[in-house]
N, C-alpha and C. Protein backbone atom coordinates (compact mmCIF):
# COMPACT_ATOMS: atom_id res chain seq x y z
N MET A 1 0.84 -1.18 0.00
CA MET A 1 0.00 0.00 0.00
C MET A 1 0.88 1.24 0.00
N VAL A 2 0.64 2.13 -0.93
CA VAL A 2 1.43 3.35 -1.04
C VAL A 2 0.86 4.40 -0.10
N PRO A 3 1.69 4.99 0.75
CA PRO A 3 1.20 5.98 1.70
C PRO A 3 0.70 7.23 0.99
N GLN A 4 -0.34 7.82 1.52
CA GLN A 4 -0.87 9.07 1.00
C GLN A 4 -0.34 10.20 1.88
N LEU A 5 0.44 11.09 1.29
CA LEU A 5 1.00 12.21 2.03
C LEU A 5 0.42 13.50 1.49
N ALA A 6 0.33 14.49 2.34
CA ALA A 6 -0.11 15.81 1.89
C ALA A 6 1.05 16.46 1.14
N VAL A 7 0.85 16.70 -0.13
CA VAL A 7 1.89 17.31 -0.95
C VAL A 7 1.28 18.43 -1.77
N ARG A 8 2.15 19.29 -2.32
CA ARG A 8 1.68 20.35 -3.20
C ARG A 8 1.01 19.74 -4.41
N SER A 9 -0.13 20.28 -4.82
CA SER A 9 -0.88 19.76 -5.97
C SER A 9 -0.90 18.23 -5.96
N PRO A 10 -1.58 17.66 -4.99
CA PRO A 10 -1.50 16.22 -4.78
C PRO A 10 -1.74 15.37 -6.03
N SER A 11 -2.74 15.68 -6.81
CA SER A 11 -3.02 14.82 -7.96
C SER A 11 -1.91 14.91 -9.00
N ALA A 12 -1.39 16.10 -9.26
CA ALA A 12 -0.32 16.25 -10.25
C ALA A 12 0.95 15.56 -9.77
N VAL A 13 1.28 15.71 -8.52
CA VAL A 13 2.48 15.07 -7.97
C VAL A 13 2.31 13.56 -7.97
N THR A 14 1.15 13.10 -7.54
CA THR A 14 0.90 11.66 -7.49
C THR A 14 0.93 11.06 -8.90
N ASP A 15 0.33 11.74 -9.87
CA ASP A 15 0.35 11.24 -11.25
C ASP A 15 1.78 11.16 -11.77
N TYR A 16 2.56 12.20 -11.52
CA TYR A 16 3.96 12.22 -11.97
C TYR A 16 4.74 11.09 -11.30
N PHE A 17 4.53 10.96 -10.01
CA PHE A 17 5.20 9.94 -9.21
C PHE A 17 4.92 8.53 -9.76
N TRP A 18 3.63 8.20 -9.97
CA TRP A 18 3.27 6.88 -10.49
C TRP A 18 3.83 6.68 -11.89
N ALA A 19 3.74 7.70 -12.73
CA ALA A 19 4.26 7.59 -14.10
C ALA A 19 5.77 7.37 -14.09
N ALA A 20 6.47 8.07 -13.21
CA ALA A 20 7.93 7.93 -13.13
C ALA A 20 8.30 6.49 -12.79
N TYR A 21 7.62 5.89 -11.82
CA TYR A 21 7.89 4.50 -11.48
C TYR A 21 7.59 3.57 -12.64
N LYS A 22 6.44 3.76 -13.27
CA LYS A 22 6.04 2.88 -14.38
C LYS A 22 7.02 2.97 -15.55
N VAL A 23 7.44 4.17 -15.89
CA VAL A 23 8.31 4.37 -17.04
C VAL A 23 9.76 4.00 -16.71
N ALA A 24 10.28 4.51 -15.60
CA ALA A 24 11.69 4.29 -15.27
C ALA A 24 11.97 2.88 -14.76
N LEU A 25 11.10 2.36 -13.91
CA LEU A 25 11.39 1.09 -13.25
C LEU A 25 10.44 -0.04 -13.66
N ALA A 26 9.49 0.28 -14.53
CA ALA A 26 8.55 -0.72 -15.07
C ALA A 26 7.79 -1.47 -13.97
N ARG A 27 7.42 -0.74 -12.94
CA ARG A 27 6.67 -1.37 -11.85
C ARG A 27 5.96 -0.30 -11.04
N GLU A 28 5.10 -0.76 -10.15
CA GLU A 28 4.46 0.15 -9.21
C GLU A 28 5.43 0.39 -8.05
N PRO A 29 5.30 1.53 -7.40
CA PRO A 29 6.20 1.82 -6.29
C PRO A 29 5.96 0.91 -5.09
N ASP A 30 7.05 0.54 -4.43
CA ASP A 30 6.93 -0.19 -3.17
C ASP A 30 6.70 0.82 -2.06
N GLU A 31 6.30 0.36 -0.90
CA GLU A 31 5.96 1.27 0.19
C GLU A 31 7.13 2.15 0.61
N GLY A 32 8.32 1.55 0.74
CA GLY A 32 9.50 2.32 1.16
C GLY A 32 9.89 3.39 0.15
N GLY A 33 9.89 3.02 -1.13
CA GLY A 33 10.22 3.98 -2.17
C GLY A 33 9.19 5.08 -2.27
N ALA A 34 7.93 4.70 -2.13
CA ALA A 34 6.86 5.68 -2.18
C ALA A 34 7.00 6.69 -1.05
N LEU A 35 7.20 6.19 0.15
CA LEU A 35 7.34 7.08 1.30
C LEU A 35 8.52 8.02 1.14
N SER A 36 9.64 7.48 0.73
CA SER A 36 10.84 8.29 0.55
C SER A 36 10.66 9.36 -0.52
N ASN A 37 10.16 8.97 -1.69
CA ASN A 37 10.03 9.91 -2.78
C ASN A 37 8.92 10.93 -2.56
N LEU A 38 7.79 10.50 -2.02
CA LEU A 38 6.72 11.47 -1.76
C LEU A 38 7.10 12.44 -0.64
N THR A 39 7.84 11.96 0.35
CA THR A 39 8.33 12.86 1.40
C THR A 39 9.30 13.87 0.82
N PHE A 40 10.18 13.43 -0.07
CA PHE A 40 11.13 14.31 -0.74
C PHE A 40 10.39 15.43 -1.47
N ILE A 41 9.35 15.07 -2.22
CA ILE A 41 8.57 16.06 -2.97
C ILE A 41 7.80 16.97 -2.00
N ARG A 42 7.17 16.39 -0.99
CA ARG A 42 6.41 17.17 -0.01
C ARG A 42 7.29 18.22 0.67
N ASP A 43 8.54 17.85 0.90
CA ASP A 43 9.46 18.75 1.59
C ASP A 43 10.14 19.74 0.65
N GLY A 44 9.63 19.85 -0.58
CA GLY A 44 10.14 20.86 -1.51
C GLY A 44 11.11 20.35 -2.55
N GLY A 45 11.36 19.04 -2.59
CA GLY A 45 12.26 18.48 -3.59
C GLY A 45 11.71 18.63 -4.99
N ASP A 46 12.58 18.61 -5.94
CA ASP A 46 12.23 18.78 -7.34
C ASP A 46 11.85 17.44 -7.97
N ARG A 47 10.75 17.41 -8.72
CA ARG A 47 10.31 16.17 -9.36
C ARG A 47 11.35 15.64 -10.34
N LYS A 48 12.04 16.53 -11.03
CA LYS A 48 13.08 16.09 -11.96
C LYS A 48 14.22 15.40 -11.22
N GLN A 49 14.53 15.92 -10.05
CA GLN A 49 15.58 15.30 -9.23
C GLN A 49 15.17 13.90 -8.79
N MET A 50 13.88 13.74 -8.45
CA MET A 50 13.37 12.44 -8.06
C MET A 50 13.50 11.45 -9.22
N LEU A 51 13.11 11.89 -10.41
CA LEU A 51 13.21 11.03 -11.59
C LEU A 51 14.68 10.71 -11.90
N ARG A 52 15.54 11.69 -11.78
CA ARG A 52 16.98 11.47 -12.02
C ARG A 52 17.52 10.41 -11.08
N SER A 53 17.10 10.45 -9.82
CA SER A 53 17.60 9.45 -8.87
C SER A 53 17.12 8.05 -9.26
N MET A 54 15.92 7.94 -9.82
CA MET A 54 15.46 6.63 -10.30
C MET A 54 16.30 6.16 -11.48
N LEU A 55 16.59 7.08 -12.39
CA LEU A 55 17.36 6.73 -13.59
C LEU A 55 18.81 6.42 -13.28
N GLU A 56 19.30 6.87 -12.14
CA GLU A 56 20.67 6.59 -11.73
C GLU A 56 20.76 5.41 -10.76
N SER A 57 19.61 4.82 -10.44
CA SER A 57 19.59 3.73 -9.46
C SER A 57 20.14 2.43 -10.04
N GLN A 58 20.58 1.56 -9.16
CA GLN A 58 21.05 0.24 -9.57
C GLN A 58 19.92 -0.56 -10.21
N GLU A 59 18.71 -0.37 -9.71
CA GLU A 59 17.58 -1.09 -10.28
C GLU A 59 17.37 -0.71 -11.74
N PHE A 60 17.44 0.57 -12.06
CA PHE A 60 17.28 1.01 -13.45
C PHE A 60 18.40 0.45 -14.31
N LYS A 61 19.62 0.51 -13.81
CA LYS A 61 20.76 -0.01 -14.57
C LYS A 61 20.61 -1.49 -14.85
N TYR A 62 20.07 -2.21 -13.88
CA TYR A 62 19.84 -3.65 -14.05
C TYR A 62 18.81 -3.92 -15.15
N LEU A 63 17.81 -3.05 -15.26
CA LEU A 63 16.75 -3.23 -16.26
C LEU A 63 17.25 -3.01 -17.68
N GLN A 64 18.36 -2.29 -17.80
CA GLN A 64 18.89 -1.99 -19.14
C GLN A 64 19.56 -3.21 -19.65
């Protein structure tokens, strides 16, 4: 279950978040990743930075 956090423009952030996981990692977010990434965005982090971290992850490299 993905945690629901209060974030700026919740639907836009949530849509971006889900799409980033589906496109970059070809899966739905796990609870730990969801909590970490949504907290990062809620606390003012940049969505592009979040996506970059997914694209630089070992998991993404393994999928290539």
